Amino acid sequence: MRLIERLLPHGTNYDFIRYRLFAFGITAFLIVGSLVSIAVKGFNFGIDFAGGILIEAQATSGPANLHAMRTSLGELNLGEVSLQEFGTTGRDVMIRIQRQDGAEKAQMDALAKVKDTLGPGFSYRRVEIVGPKVGGELVRDGVWAVVLSLLAIAVYVWFRFEWQFGVGALISTFHDVITTFGLFSITGLEFNLTTVAAILTIAGYSVN
């Protein structure tokens, strides 16, 4: 308690309201900028939404060499290829490849090229080919999840707080969600199902 008193002497008064117009301006700028970026640039959808090939590979002898794998797979000209190590052994690798132009045969040909390039040193625990129809359904479901969660929060705030505080809570939640969407749009970070889960978490915490 004494430490707090030394940091904030008795009678200290910080006039935050004095800077409200500046804060309003920054908030409006972030929201408008985010909406413009979303409308003009859109999102860098991951395989979950855009479709593509998902492979869980495991090195059969020793840890996987991600650098060598990126180099060899990059030479296949399959478009965007991302590798992510998971697990604790250093042998498990998640490989994501963007959807290839063409029908199912084009996806299978790309998968065969990947397996041939990696060689016999890997086993494959899971292979998924996500089509554009499935990706579109996931986009729709993700949008509905965010919208319904915001509506539920609005109903809760309506009954829980006085209207002045309720409006402030809803505006702050809207601000946090929209600017997070804007961040992904502006930076081009991959937007996937994990992102949707994170945004739902942000919406929940914003009320607090």
N, C-alpha and C. Protein backbone atom coordinates (compact mmCIF):
# COMPACT_ATOMS: atom_id res chain seq x y z
N MET A 1 0.83 -1.20 0.00
CA MET A 1 0.00 0.00 0.00
C MET A 1 0.87 1.26 0.00
N ARG A 2 1.96 1.24 0.80
CA ARG A 2 2.85 2.39 0.86
C ARG A 2 3.53 2.63 -0.48
N LEU A 3 3.86 1.52 -1.19
CA LEU A 3 4.46 1.67 -2.51
C LEU A 3 3.51 2.37 -3.45
N ILE A 4 2.23 2.01 -3.40
CA ILE A 4 1.23 2.65 -4.25
C ILE A 4 1.11 4.13 -3.91
N GLU A 5 1.17 4.44 -2.61
CA GLU A 5 1.08 5.84 -2.19
C GLU A 5 2.26 6.65 -2.69
N ARG A 6 3.44 6.01 -2.76
CA ARG A 6 4.61 6.73 -3.27
C ARG A 6 4.48 6.97 -4.77
N LEU A 7 3.93 5.97 -5.47
CA LEU A 7 3.76 6.12 -6.92
C LEU A 7 2.63 7.08 -7.24
N LEU A 8 1.56 7.03 -6.46
CA LEU A 8 0.40 7.90 -6.67
C LEU A 8 0.12 8.66 -5.38
N PRO A 9 0.76 9.79 -5.19
CA PRO A 9 0.55 10.56 -3.96
C PRO A 9 -0.91 10.92 -3.76
N HIS A 10 -1.26 11.13 -2.50
CA HIS A 10 -2.63 11.47 -2.15
C HIS A 10 -3.06 12.76 -2.87
N GLY A 11 -4.25 12.71 -3.45
CA GLY A 11 -4.75 13.88 -4.15
C GLY A 11 -4.39 13.93 -5.63
N THR A 12 -3.69 12.89 -6.12
CA THR A 12 -3.32 12.86 -7.54
C THR A 12 -4.58 12.78 -8.40
N ASN A 13 -4.61 13.57 -9.45
CA ASN A 13 -5.78 13.60 -10.32
C ASN A 13 -5.31 13.67 -11.78
N TYR A 14 -5.59 12.59 -12.53
CA TYR A 14 -5.24 12.56 -13.95
C TYR A 14 -6.51 12.84 -14.75
N ASP A 15 -6.49 13.88 -15.51
CA ASP A 15 -7.67 14.30 -16.25
C ASP A 15 -7.71 13.61 -17.61
N PHE A 16 -8.16 12.34 -17.59
CA PHE A 16 -8.22 11.58 -18.83
C PHE A 16 -9.28 12.15 -19.78
N ILE A 17 -10.37 12.65 -19.22
CA ILE A 17 -11.45 13.17 -20.04
C ILE A 17 -10.98 14.34 -20.91
N ARG A 18 -9.95 15.00 -20.47
CA ARG A 18 -9.42 16.14 -21.21
C ARG A 18 -8.98 15.74 -22.62
N TYR A 19 -8.52 14.51 -22.75
CA TYR A 19 -7.98 14.04 -24.04
C TYR A 19 -8.99 13.17 -24.79
N ARG A 20 -10.26 13.26 -24.46
CA ARG A 20 -11.26 12.39 -25.07
C ARG A 20 -11.40 12.60 -26.57
N LEU A 21 -11.30 13.86 -27.03
CA LEU A 21 -11.45 14.12 -28.46
C LEU A 21 -10.30 13.49 -29.25
N PHE A 22 -9.11 13.56 -28.69
CA PHE A 22 -7.95 12.92 -29.32
C PHE A 22 -8.17 11.40 -29.39
N ALA A 23 -8.65 10.82 -28.29
CA ALA A 23 -8.91 9.37 -28.25
C ALA A 23 -10.01 8.99 -29.24
N PHE A 24 -11.06 9.83 -29.32
CA PHE A 24 -12.14 9.57 -30.28
C PHE A 24 -11.59 9.57 -31.72
N GLY A 25 -10.71 10.51 -31.99
CA GLY A 25 -10.13 10.61 -33.33
C GLY A 25 -9.30 9.38 -33.68
N ILE A 26 -8.48 8.92 -32.72
CA ILE A 26 -7.67 7.73 -32.96
C ILE A 26 -8.56 6.51 -33.19
N THR A 27 -9.59 6.39 -32.36
CA THR A 27 -10.52 5.25 -32.50
C THR A 27 -11.21 5.27 -33.86
N ALA A 28 -11.70 6.44 -34.26
CA ALA A 28 -12.38 6.55 -35.55
C ALA A 28 -11.43 6.24 -36.70
N PHE A 29 -10.19 6.72 -36.59
CA PHE A 29 -9.19 6.46 -37.63
C PHE A 29 -8.92 4.97 -37.77
N LEU A 30 -8.76 4.27 -36.64
CA LEU A 30 -8.48 2.84 -36.68
C LEU A 30 -9.66 2.05 -37.26
N ILE A 31 -10.87 2.43 -36.87
CA ILE A 31 -12.05 1.70 -37.36
C ILE A 31 -12.24 1.94 -38.86
N VAL A 32 -12.18 3.19 -39.27
CA VAL A 32 -12.38 3.51 -40.70
C VAL A 32 -11.26 2.89 -41.54
N GLY A 33 -10.02 3.01 -41.06
CA GLY A 33 -8.90 2.41 -41.79
C GLY A 33 -9.05 0.91 -41.93
N SER A 34 -9.51 0.26 -40.86
CA SER A 34 -9.70 -1.19 -40.91
C SER A 34 -10.80 -1.57 -41.89
N LEU A 35 -11.92 -0.84 -41.86
CA LEU A 35 -13.03 -1.14 -42.77
C LEU A 35 -12.62 -0.94 -44.23
N VAL A 36 -11.85 0.12 -44.50
CA VAL A 36 -11.40 0.38 -45.87
C VAL A 36 -10.48 -0.73 -46.33
N SER A 37 -9.54 -1.14 -45.48
CA SER A 37 -8.62 -2.21 -45.86
C SER A 37 -9.36 -3.52 -46.10
N ILE A 38 -10.35 -3.82 -45.25
CA ILE A 38 -11.12 -5.05 -45.43
C ILE A 38 -11.88 -5.02 -46.75
N ALA A 39 -12.46 -3.85 -47.08
CA ALA A 39 -13.25 -3.73 -48.30
C ALA A 39 -12.38 -3.76 -49.55
N VAL A 40 -11.20 -3.14 -49.49
CA VAL A 40 -10.35 -2.99 -50.67
C VAL A 40 -9.38 -4.17 -50.82
N LYS A 41 -8.70 -4.51 -49.75
CA LYS A 41 -7.64 -5.52 -49.81
C LYS A 41 -8.14 -6.91 -49.46
N GLY A 42 -9.09 -6.98 -48.53
CA GLY A 42 -9.60 -8.28 -48.11
C GLY A 42 -8.63 -8.98 -47.17
N PHE A 43 -8.72 -10.32 -47.13
CA PHE A 43 -7.92 -11.12 -46.22
C PHE A 43 -7.06 -12.12 -46.98
N ASN A 44 -5.99 -12.51 -46.31
CA ASN A 44 -5.15 -13.59 -46.83
C ASN A 44 -5.65 -14.90 -46.21
N PHE A 45 -6.67 -15.48 -46.83
CA PHE A 45 -7.30 -16.67 -46.27
C PHE A 45 -6.34 -17.86 -46.30
N GLY A 46 -6.31 -18.59 -45.21
CA GLY A 46 -5.52 -19.81 -45.15
C GLY A 46 -6.24 -20.96 -45.82
N ILE A 47 -5.66 -22.14 -45.71
CA ILE A 47 -6.22 -23.31 -46.36
C ILE A 47 -7.61 -23.62 -45.83
N ASP A 48 -7.86 -23.32 -44.54
CA ASP A 48 -9.17 -23.59 -43.96
C ASP A 48 -10.28 -22.94 -44.76
N PHE A 49 -10.02 -21.73 -45.28
CA PHE A 49 -11.04 -20.97 -45.99
C PHE A 49 -10.85 -20.99 -47.51
N ALA A 50 -9.62 -20.90 -47.97
CA ALA A 50 -9.36 -20.81 -49.41
C ALA A 50 -9.25 -22.17 -50.08
N GLY A 51 -9.07 -23.21 -49.28
CA GLY A 51 -8.87 -24.53 -49.85
C GLY A 51 -7.38 -24.80 -50.08
N GLY A 52 -7.02 -26.06 -50.18
CA GLY A 52 -5.63 -26.42 -50.40
C GLY A 52 -5.35 -27.81 -49.86
N ILE A 53 -4.08 -28.07 -49.63
CA ILE A 53 -3.64 -29.40 -49.20
C ILE A 53 -2.98 -29.28 -47.82
N LEU A 54 -3.39 -30.13 -46.93
CA LEU A 54 -2.83 -30.17 -45.58
C LEU A 54 -2.22 -31.55 -45.34
N ILE A 55 -0.93 -31.57 -44.97
CA ILE A 55 -0.21 -32.82 -44.78
C ILE A 55 0.47 -32.82 -43.42
N GLU A 56 0.26 -33.89 -42.66
CA GLU A 56 1.02 -34.11 -41.43
C GLU A 56 2.05 -35.19 -41.72
N ALA A 57 3.32 -34.76 -41.74
CA ALA A 57 4.41 -35.68 -42.05
C ALA A 57 5.28 -35.89 -40.82
N GLN A 58 5.89 -37.06 -40.73
CA GLN A 58 6.77 -37.38 -39.61
C GLN A 58 8.06 -37.98 -40.15
N ALA A 59 9.19 -37.37 -39.77
CA ALA A 59 10.49 -37.89 -40.18
C ALA A 59 10.72 -39.23 -39.50
N THR A 60 11.15 -40.21 -40.27
CA THR A 60 11.32 -41.57 -39.72
C THR A 60 12.65 -41.75 -39.03
N SER A 61 13.62 -40.86 -39.31
CA SER A 61 14.94 -41.01 -38.68
C SER A 61 15.48 -39.64 -38.30
N GLY A 62 15.36 -39.30 -37.03
CA GLY A 62 15.90 -38.04 -36.55
C GLY A 62 14.97 -36.87 -36.78
N PRO A 63 15.34 -35.70 -36.24
CA PRO A 63 14.51 -34.49 -36.40
C PRO A 63 14.39 -34.07 -37.86
N ALA A 64 13.28 -33.44 -38.19
CA ALA A 64 13.06 -32.95 -39.56
C ALA A 64 13.88 -31.69 -39.80
N ASN A 65 14.46 -31.58 -40.99
CA ASN A 65 15.23 -30.40 -41.38
C ASN A 65 14.29 -29.46 -42.15
N LEU A 66 13.71 -28.49 -41.43
CA LEU A 66 12.72 -27.61 -42.06
C LEU A 66 13.32 -26.77 -43.17
N HIS A 67 14.56 -26.32 -42.99
CA HIS A 67 15.18 -25.48 -44.02
C HIS A 67 15.33 -26.26 -45.33
N ALA A 68 15.81 -27.49 -45.24
CA ALA A 68 15.98 -28.30 -46.45
C ALA A 68 14.62 -28.62 -47.07
N MET A 69 13.62 -28.86 -46.23
CA MET A 69 12.28 -29.16 -46.75
C MET A 69 11.71 -27.94 -47.47
N ARG A 70 11.85 -26.74 -46.89
CA ARG A 70 11.34 -25.53 -47.55
C ARG A 70 12.02 -25.32 -48.90
N THR A 71 13.32 -25.55 -48.94
CA THR A 71 14.06 -25.34 -50.18
C THR A 71 13.59 -26.30 -51.27
N SER A 72 13.49 -27.57 -50.93
CA SER A 72 13.10 -28.57 -51.93
C SER A 72 11.65 -28.41 -52.37
N LEU A 73 10.76 -28.11 -51.44
CA LEU A 73 9.36 -27.94 -51.82
C LEU A 73 9.15 -26.63 -52.57
N GLY A 74 9.94 -25.61 -52.26
CA GLY A 74 9.83 -24.35 -52.98
C GLY A 74 10.18 -24.47 -54.44
N GLU A 75 11.02 -25.42 -54.78
CA GLU A 75 11.43 -25.63 -56.17
C GLU A 75 10.34 -26.31 -57.00
N LEU A 76 9.26 -26.76 -56.36
CA LEU A 76 8.19 -27.43 -57.09
C LEU A 76 7.21 -26.45 -57.74
N ASN A 77 7.32 -25.16 -57.38
CA ASN A 77 6.43 -24.13 -57.94
C ASN A 77 4.96 -24.46 -57.72
N LEU A 78 4.64 -24.78 -56.48
CA LEU A 78 3.26 -25.08 -56.12
C LEU A 78 2.55 -23.90 -55.49
N GLY A 79 3.17 -22.74 -55.53
CA GLY A 79 2.59 -21.57 -54.90
C GLY A 79 3.02 -21.47 -53.44
N GLU A 80 2.14 -20.97 -52.61
CA GLU A 80 2.46 -20.78 -51.20
C GLU A 80 2.56 -22.12 -50.49
N VAL A 81 3.70 -22.36 -49.86
CA VAL A 81 3.92 -23.58 -49.08
C VAL A 81 4.43 -23.17 -47.71
N SER A 82 3.74 -23.60 -46.67
CA SER A 82 4.18 -23.28 -45.31
C SER A 82 4.43 -24.56 -44.53
N LEU A 83 5.48 -24.53 -43.72
CA LEU A 83 5.84 -25.67 -42.89
C LEU A 83 5.86 -25.24 -41.43
N GLN A 84 5.33 -26.06 -40.58
CA GLN A 84 5.29 -25.75 -39.15
C GLN A 84 5.58 -27.01 -38.36
N GLU A 85 6.57 -26.92 -37.50
CA GLU A 85 6.91 -28.05 -36.64
C GLU A 85 5.95 -28.09 -35.46
N PHE A 86 5.50 -29.26 -35.09
CA PHE A 86 4.63 -29.40 -33.92
C PHE A 86 5.03 -30.65 -33.14
N GLY A 87 4.53 -30.74 -31.93
CA GLY A 87 4.94 -31.86 -31.09
C GLY A 87 6.24 -31.55 -30.36
N THR A 88 6.76 -32.52 -29.66
CA THR A 88 7.96 -32.33 -28.84
C THR A 88 9.18 -33.08 -29.35
N THR A 89 8.99 -33.90 -30.36
CA THR A 89 10.11 -34.73 -30.82
C THR A 89 10.94 -34.06 -31.90
N GLY A 90 10.41 -33.01 -32.53
CA GLY A 90 11.12 -32.36 -33.63
C GLY A 90 11.01 -33.13 -34.94
N ARG A 91 10.20 -34.17 -34.95
CA ARG A 91 10.05 -35.00 -36.15
C ARG A 91 8.76 -34.74 -36.89
N ASP A 92 7.79 -34.08 -36.23
CA ASP A 92 6.47 -33.88 -36.83
C ASP A 92 6.39 -32.51 -37.49
N VAL A 93 5.91 -32.50 -38.72
CA VAL A 93 5.83 -31.27 -39.51
C VAL A 93 4.46 -31.16 -40.16
N MET A 94 3.85 -29.98 -40.03
CA MET A 94 2.59 -29.69 -40.72
C MET A 94 2.92 -28.93 -42.00
N ILE A 95 2.50 -29.48 -43.14
CA ILE A 95 2.77 -28.87 -44.44
C ILE A 95 1.45 -28.37 -45.02
N ARG A 96 1.41 -27.08 -45.37
CA ARG A 96 0.22 -26.50 -45.99
C ARG A 96 0.58 -25.99 -47.37
N ILE A 97 -0.21 -26.37 -48.35
CA ILE A 97 0.04 -25.98 -49.73
C ILE A 97 -1.23 -25.37 -50.29
N GLN A 98 -1.10 -24.22 -50.95
CA GLN A 98 -2.28 -23.56 -51.49
C GLN A 98 -2.94 -24.41 -52.55
N ARG A 99 -4.22 -24.17 -52.75
CA ARG A 99 -4.99 -24.95 -53.72
C ARG A 99 -4.44 -24.69 -55.12
N GLN A 100 -4.28 -25.78 -55.88
CA GLN A 100 -3.75 -25.69 -57.22
C GLN A 100 -4.87 -25.41 -58.23
N ASP A 101 -4.51 -24.73 -59.29
CA ASP A 101 -5.48 -24.49 -60.35
C ASP A 101 -5.86 -25.81 -61.00
N GLY A 102 -7.13 -26.03 -61.15
CA GLY A 102 -7.59 -27.27 -61.74
C GLY A 102 -8.48 -28.04 -60.79
N ALA A 103 -8.89 -29.21 -61.22
CA ALA A 103 -9.82 -30.03 -60.44
C ALA A 103 -9.07 -30.90 -59.46
N GLU A 104 -9.72 -31.97 -59.03
CA GLU A 104 -9.14 -32.86 -58.01
C GLU A 104 -7.82 -33.47 -58.46
N LYS A 105 -7.70 -33.72 -59.77
CA LYS A 105 -6.47 -34.34 -60.27
C LYS A 105 -5.26 -33.43 -60.03
N ALA A 106 -5.45 -32.12 -60.16
CA ALA A 106 -4.34 -31.19 -59.94
C ALA A 106 -3.86 -31.24 -58.49
N GLN A 107 -4.79 -31.42 -57.57
CA GLN A 107 -4.42 -31.50 -56.15
C GLN A 107 -3.67 -32.81 -55.88
N MET A 108 -4.14 -33.90 -56.47
CA MET A 108 -3.48 -35.19 -56.27
C MET A 108 -2.09 -35.19 -56.89
N ASP A 109 -1.93 -34.54 -58.05
CA ASP A 109 -0.62 -34.45 -58.68
C ASP A 109 0.35 -33.67 -57.79
N ALA A 110 -0.14 -32.57 -57.20
CA ALA A 110 0.71 -31.78 -56.29
C ALA A 110 1.11 -32.60 -55.08
N LEU A 111 0.17 -33.37 -54.54
CA LEU A 111 0.47 -34.21 -53.39
C LEU A 111 1.53 -35.26 -53.74
N ALA A 112 1.41 -35.85 -54.92
CA ALA A 112 2.40 -36.84 -55.36
C ALA A 112 3.79 -36.22 -55.50
N LYS A 113 3.84 -34.99 -56.02
CA LYS A 113 5.13 -34.31 -56.15
C LYS A 113 5.78 -34.07 -54.79
N VAL A 114 4.97 -33.68 -53.82
CA VAL A 114 5.50 -33.44 -52.47
C VAL A 114 6.08 -34.72 -51.89
N LYS A 115 5.35 -35.81 -52.00
CA LYS A 115 5.82 -37.08 -51.45
C LYS A 115 7.08 -37.56 -52.16
N ASP A 116 7.13 -37.41 -53.48
CA ASP A 116 8.32 -37.82 -54.22
C ASP A 116 9.53 -36.98 -53.83
N THR A 117 9.30 -35.67 -53.60
CA THR A 117 10.40 -34.78 -53.26
C THR A 117 10.94 -35.07 -51.86
N LEU A 118 10.07 -35.31 -50.92
CA LEU A 118 10.52 -35.60 -49.56
C LEU A 118 11.15 -36.97 -49.44
N GLY A 119 10.77 -37.87 -50.32
CA GLY A 119 11.40 -39.18 -50.34
C GLY A 119 10.90 -40.13 -49.27
N PRO A 120 11.59 -41.26 -49.11
CA PRO A 120 11.13 -42.30 -48.17
C PRO A 120 11.42 -41.99 -46.70
N GLY A 121 12.04 -40.86 -46.43
CA GLY A 121 12.39 -40.53 -45.05
C GLY A 121 11.23 -39.99 -44.23
N PHE A 122 10.03 -39.98 -44.80
CA PHE A 122 8.87 -39.45 -44.09
C PHE A 122 7.70 -40.42 -44.19
N SER A 123 6.93 -40.47 -43.12
CA SER A 123 5.64 -41.15 -43.14
C SER A 123 4.55 -40.09 -43.01
N TYR A 124 3.35 -40.40 -43.47
CA TYR A 124 2.29 -39.40 -43.56
C TYR A 124 1.10 -39.86 -42.71
N ARG A 125 0.87 -39.12 -41.64
CA ARG A 125 -0.18 -39.50 -40.69
C ARG A 125 -1.54 -38.96 -41.11
N ARG A 126 -1.55 -37.83 -41.80
CA ARG A 126 -2.83 -37.25 -42.22
C ARG A 126 -2.64 -36.45 -43.48
N VAL A 127 -3.55 -36.61 -44.43
CA VAL A 127 -3.56 -35.84 -45.66
C VAL A 127 -4.99 -35.38 -45.91
N GLU A 128 -5.18 -34.07 -46.05
CA GLU A 128 -6.51 -33.53 -46.31
C GLU A 128 -6.44 -32.58 -47.50
N ILE A 129 -7.42 -32.69 -48.37
CA ILE A 129 -7.56 -31.77 -49.49
C ILE A 129 -8.86 -31.01 -49.27
N VAL A 130 -8.73 -29.72 -48.99
CA VAL A 130 -9.89 -28.88 -48.69
C VAL A 130 -10.32 -28.19 -49.98
N GLY A 131 -11.53 -28.46 -50.43
CA GLY A 131 -12.03 -27.86 -51.66
C GLY A 131 -12.60 -26.47 -51.42
N PRO A 132 -12.83 -25.71 -52.49
CA PRO A 132 -13.36 -24.35 -52.34
C PRO A 132 -14.75 -24.32 -51.73
N LYS A 133 -15.57 -25.36 -51.97
CA LYS A 133 -16.91 -25.39 -51.40
C LYS A 133 -16.85 -25.48 -49.88
N VAL A 134 -15.97 -26.39 -49.39
CA VAL A 134 -15.81 -26.53 -47.94
C VAL A 134 -15.26 -25.24 -47.35
N GLY A 135 -14.28 -24.63 -48.05
CA GLY A 135 -13.72 -23.38 -47.57
C GLY A 135 -14.76 -22.28 -47.48
N GLY A 136 -15.65 -22.21 -48.48
CA GLY A 136 -16.71 -21.22 -48.46
C GLY A 136 -17.68 -21.44 -47.30
N GLU A 137 -17.98 -22.70 -47.01
CA GLU A 137 -18.86 -23.00 -45.88
C GLU A 137 -18.21 -22.60 -44.56
N LEU A 138 -16.90 -22.80 -44.45
CA LEU A 138 -16.20 -22.42 -43.23
C LEU A 138 -16.18 -20.90 -43.06
N VAL A 139 -16.02 -20.17 -44.17
CA VAL A 139 -16.08 -18.70 -44.10
C VAL A 139 -17.44 -18.26 -43.58
N ARG A 140 -18.50 -18.84 -44.13
CA ARG A 140 -19.86 -18.50 -43.69
C ARG A 140 -20.06 -18.82 -42.21
N ASP A 141 -19.62 -20.01 -41.80
CA ASP A 141 -19.78 -20.40 -40.40
C ASP A 141 -18.97 -19.50 -39.47
N GLY A 142 -17.76 -19.10 -39.92
CA GLY A 142 -16.94 -18.20 -39.11
C GLY A 142 -17.58 -16.84 -38.94
N VAL A 143 -18.17 -16.32 -40.02
CA VAL A 143 -18.84 -15.02 -39.94
C VAL A 143 -20.03 -15.10 -38.99
N TRP A 144 -20.80 -16.17 -39.11
CA TRP A 144 -21.96 -16.33 -38.22
C TRP A 144 -21.52 -16.46 -36.77
N ALA A 145 -20.42 -17.13 -36.52
CA ALA A 145 -19.93 -17.29 -35.15
C ALA A 145 -19.60 -15.93 -34.53
N VAL A 146 -18.92 -15.08 -35.31
CA VAL A 146 -18.56 -13.75 -34.80
C VAL A 146 -19.81 -12.90 -34.60
N VAL A 147 -20.72 -12.90 -35.59
CA VAL A 147 -21.93 -12.07 -35.50
C VAL A 147 -22.80 -12.49 -34.32
N LEU A 148 -23.02 -13.80 -34.16
CA LEU A 148 -23.87 -14.27 -33.07
C LEU A 148 -23.25 -14.01 -31.71
N SER A 149 -21.93 -14.12 -31.62
CA SER A 149 -21.27 -13.83 -30.35
C SER A 149 -21.42 -12.36 -29.99
N LEU A 150 -21.30 -11.46 -30.98
CA LEU A 150 -21.47 -10.04 -30.72
C LEU A 150 -22.91 -9.72 -30.31
N LEU A 151 -23.88 -10.39 -30.94
CA LEU A 151 -25.28 -10.18 -30.56
C LEU A 151 -25.54 -10.66 -29.13
N ALA A 152 -24.95 -11.81 -28.77
CA ALA A 152 -25.11 -12.33 -27.42
C ALA A 152 -24.50 -11.37 -26.39
N ILE A 153 -23.33 -10.83 -26.73
CA ILE A 153 -22.69 -9.86 -25.84
C ILE A 153 -23.56 -8.62 -25.70
N ALA A 154 -24.16 -8.17 -26.81
CA ALA A 154 -25.01 -6.98 -26.78
C ALA A 154 -26.22 -7.20 -25.87
N VAL A 155 -26.83 -8.39 -25.95
CA VAL A 155 -27.98 -8.69 -25.10
C VAL A 155 -27.57 -8.71 -23.63
N TYR A 156 -26.42 -9.32 -23.36
CA TYR A 156 -25.93 -9.38 -21.98
C TYR A 156 -25.69 -7.97 -21.44
N VAL A 157 -25.01 -7.13 -22.22
CA VAL A 157 -24.69 -5.78 -21.78
C VAL A 157 -25.98 -4.97 -21.57
N TRP A 158 -26.98 -5.19 -22.42
CA TRP A 158 -28.24 -4.45 -22.34
C TRP A 158 -28.92 -4.66 -20.98
N PHE A 159 -28.88 -5.90 -20.51
CA PHE A 159 -29.54 -6.21 -19.23
C PHE A 159 -28.62 -6.00 -18.02
N ARG A 160 -27.32 -6.04 -18.23
CA ARG A 160 -26.40 -6.03 -17.10
C ARG A 160 -26.01 -4.62 -16.66
N PHE A 161 -25.88 -3.67 -17.59
CA PHE A 161 -25.37 -2.35 -17.26
C PHE A 161 -26.41 -1.27 -17.54
N GLU A 162 -26.18 -0.10 -16.96
CA GLU A 162 -26.94 1.07 -17.35
C GLU A 162 -26.60 1.41 -18.80
N TRP A 163 -27.53 2.08 -19.48
CA TRP A 163 -27.38 2.23 -20.92
C TRP A 163 -26.12 3.00 -21.29
N GLN A 164 -25.69 3.97 -20.46
CA GLN A 164 -24.48 4.73 -20.79
C GLN A 164 -23.25 3.82 -20.83
N PHE A 165 -23.14 2.96 -19.81
CA PHE A 165 -22.01 2.04 -19.75
C PHE A 165 -22.15 0.93 -20.79
N GLY A 166 -23.40 0.54 -21.06
CA GLY A 166 -23.62 -0.49 -22.06
C GLY A 166 -23.19 -0.04 -23.44
N VAL A 167 -23.51 1.19 -23.80
CA VAL A 167 -23.10 1.73 -25.10
C VAL A 167 -21.57 1.77 -25.20
N GLY A 168 -20.94 2.21 -24.12
CA GLY A 168 -19.47 2.25 -24.12
C GLY A 168 -18.86 0.88 -24.29
N ALA A 169 -19.43 -0.13 -23.61
CA ALA A 169 -18.91 -1.49 -23.71
C ALA A 169 -19.08 -2.04 -25.13
N LEU A 170 -20.24 -1.76 -25.75
CA LEU A 170 -20.47 -2.25 -27.11
C LEU A 170 -19.54 -1.58 -28.11
N ILE A 171 -19.31 -0.26 -27.93
CA ILE A 171 -18.41 0.45 -28.84
C ILE A 171 -16.99 -0.09 -28.70
N SER A 172 -16.55 -0.33 -27.47
CA SER A 172 -15.19 -0.85 -27.27
C SER A 172 -15.04 -2.24 -27.85
N THR A 173 -16.09 -3.08 -27.71
CA THR A 173 -16.03 -4.42 -28.30
C THR A 173 -15.99 -4.35 -29.81
N PHE A 174 -16.83 -3.51 -30.40
CA PHE A 174 -16.84 -3.32 -31.86
C PHE A 174 -15.47 -2.83 -32.33
N HIS A 175 -14.90 -1.88 -31.59
CA HIS A 175 -13.59 -1.33 -31.94
C HIS A 175 -12.52 -2.42 -31.93
N ASP A 176 -12.49 -3.23 -30.86
CA ASP A 176 -11.46 -4.26 -30.74
C ASP A 176 -11.57 -5.31 -31.83
N VAL A 177 -12.81 -5.72 -32.14
CA VAL A 177 -13.01 -6.75 -33.15
C VAL A 177 -12.67 -6.23 -34.54
N ILE A 178 -13.15 -5.03 -34.88
CA ILE A 178 -12.91 -4.48 -36.22
C ILE A 178 -11.43 -4.21 -36.44
N THR A 179 -10.76 -3.63 -35.44
CA THR A 179 -9.33 -3.33 -35.62
C THR A 179 -8.50 -4.61 -35.70
N THR A 180 -8.95 -5.68 -35.04
CA THR A 180 -8.24 -6.96 -35.19
C THR A 180 -8.41 -7.50 -36.60
N PHE A 181 -9.63 -7.44 -37.12
CA PHE A 181 -9.84 -7.80 -38.53
C PHE A 181 -8.95 -6.94 -39.43
N GLY A 182 -8.92 -5.64 -39.15
CA GLY A 182 -8.12 -4.73 -39.96
C GLY A 182 -6.65 -5.06 -39.91
N LEU A 183 -6.15 -5.45 -38.74
CA LEU A 183 -4.74 -5.81 -38.60
C LEU A 183 -4.39 -6.97 -39.52
N PHE A 184 -5.25 -7.98 -39.57
CA PHE A 184 -4.99 -9.13 -40.44
C PHE A 184 -5.08 -8.73 -41.90
N SER A 185 -5.99 -7.82 -42.23
CA SER A 185 -6.12 -7.38 -43.61
C SER A 185 -4.91 -6.56 -44.06
N ILE A 186 -4.50 -5.61 -43.22
CA ILE A 186 -3.40 -4.71 -43.58
C ILE A 186 -2.06 -5.45 -43.67
N THR A 187 -1.80 -6.32 -42.70
CA THR A 187 -0.50 -7.00 -42.65
C THR A 187 -0.44 -8.23 -43.55
N GLY A 188 -1.60 -8.72 -43.98
CA GLY A 188 -1.59 -9.91 -44.82
C GLY A 188 -1.33 -11.20 -44.06
N LEU A 189 -1.46 -11.17 -42.73
CA LEU A 189 -1.31 -12.39 -41.95
C LEU A 189 -2.38 -13.40 -42.34
N GLU A 190 -2.02 -14.68 -42.25
CA GLU A 190 -2.96 -15.72 -42.66
C GLU A 190 -4.20 -15.71 -41.76
N PHE A 191 -5.35 -15.72 -42.39
CA PHE A 191 -6.63 -15.70 -41.68
C PHE A 191 -7.24 -17.09 -41.78
N ASN A 192 -7.35 -17.77 -40.61
CA ASN A 192 -7.85 -19.13 -40.61
C ASN A 192 -8.80 -19.34 -39.44
N LEU A 193 -9.15 -20.59 -39.17
CA LEU A 193 -10.09 -20.88 -38.09
C LEU A 193 -9.53 -20.50 -36.72
N THR A 194 -8.21 -20.62 -36.56
CA THR A 194 -7.60 -20.20 -35.30
C THR A 194 -7.78 -18.70 -35.08
N THR A 195 -7.72 -17.94 -36.16
CA THR A 195 -7.94 -16.49 -36.07
C THR A 195 -9.35 -16.18 -35.60
N VAL A 196 -10.33 -16.92 -36.13
CA VAL A 196 -11.71 -16.71 -35.72
C VAL A 196 -11.87 -16.98 -34.23
N ALA A 197 -11.26 -18.06 -33.75
CA ALA A 197 -11.32 -18.39 -32.32
C ALA A 197 -10.69 -17.27 -31.49
N ALA A 198 -9.57 -16.72 -31.96
CA ALA A 198 -8.91 -15.63 -31.24
C ALA A 198 -9.79 -14.38 -31.19
N ILE A 199 -10.47 -14.09 -32.29
CA ILE A 199 -11.34 -12.90 -32.33
C ILE A 199 -12.53 -13.07 -31.38
N LEU A 200 -13.08 -14.28 -31.31
CA LEU A 200 -14.16 -14.53 -30.37
C LEU A 200 -13.68 -14.34 -28.92
N THR A 201 -12.45 -14.75 -28.66
CA THR A 201 -11.88 -14.54 -27.32
C THR A 201 -11.71 -13.06 -27.03
N ILE A 202 -11.23 -12.31 -28.02
CA ILE A 202 -11.06 -10.86 -27.84
C ILE A 202 -12.39 -10.19 -27.56
N ALA A 203 -13.43 -10.62 -28.27
CA ALA A 203 -14.76 -10.04 -28.06
C ALA A 203 -15.24 -10.28 -26.63
N GLY A 204 -14.98 -11.47 -26.11
CA GLY A 204 -15.38 -11.78 -24.75
C GLY A 204 -14.63 -10.96 -23.72
N TYR A 205 -13.32 -10.81 -23.92
CA TYR A 205 -12.52 -10.05 -22.97
C TYR A 205 -12.79 -8.55 -23.06
N SER A 206 -13.20 -8.07 -24.21
CA SER A 206 -13.44 -6.64 -24.37
C SER A 206 -14.54 -6.14 -23.44
N VAL A 207 -15.52 -7.00 -23.15
CA VAL A 207 -16.60 -6.61 -22.26
C VAL A 207 -16.07 -6.33 -20.86
N ASN A 208 -15.03 -7.06 -20.48
CA ASN A 208 -14.46 -6.88 -19.15
C ASN A 208 -13.55 -5.66 -19.09
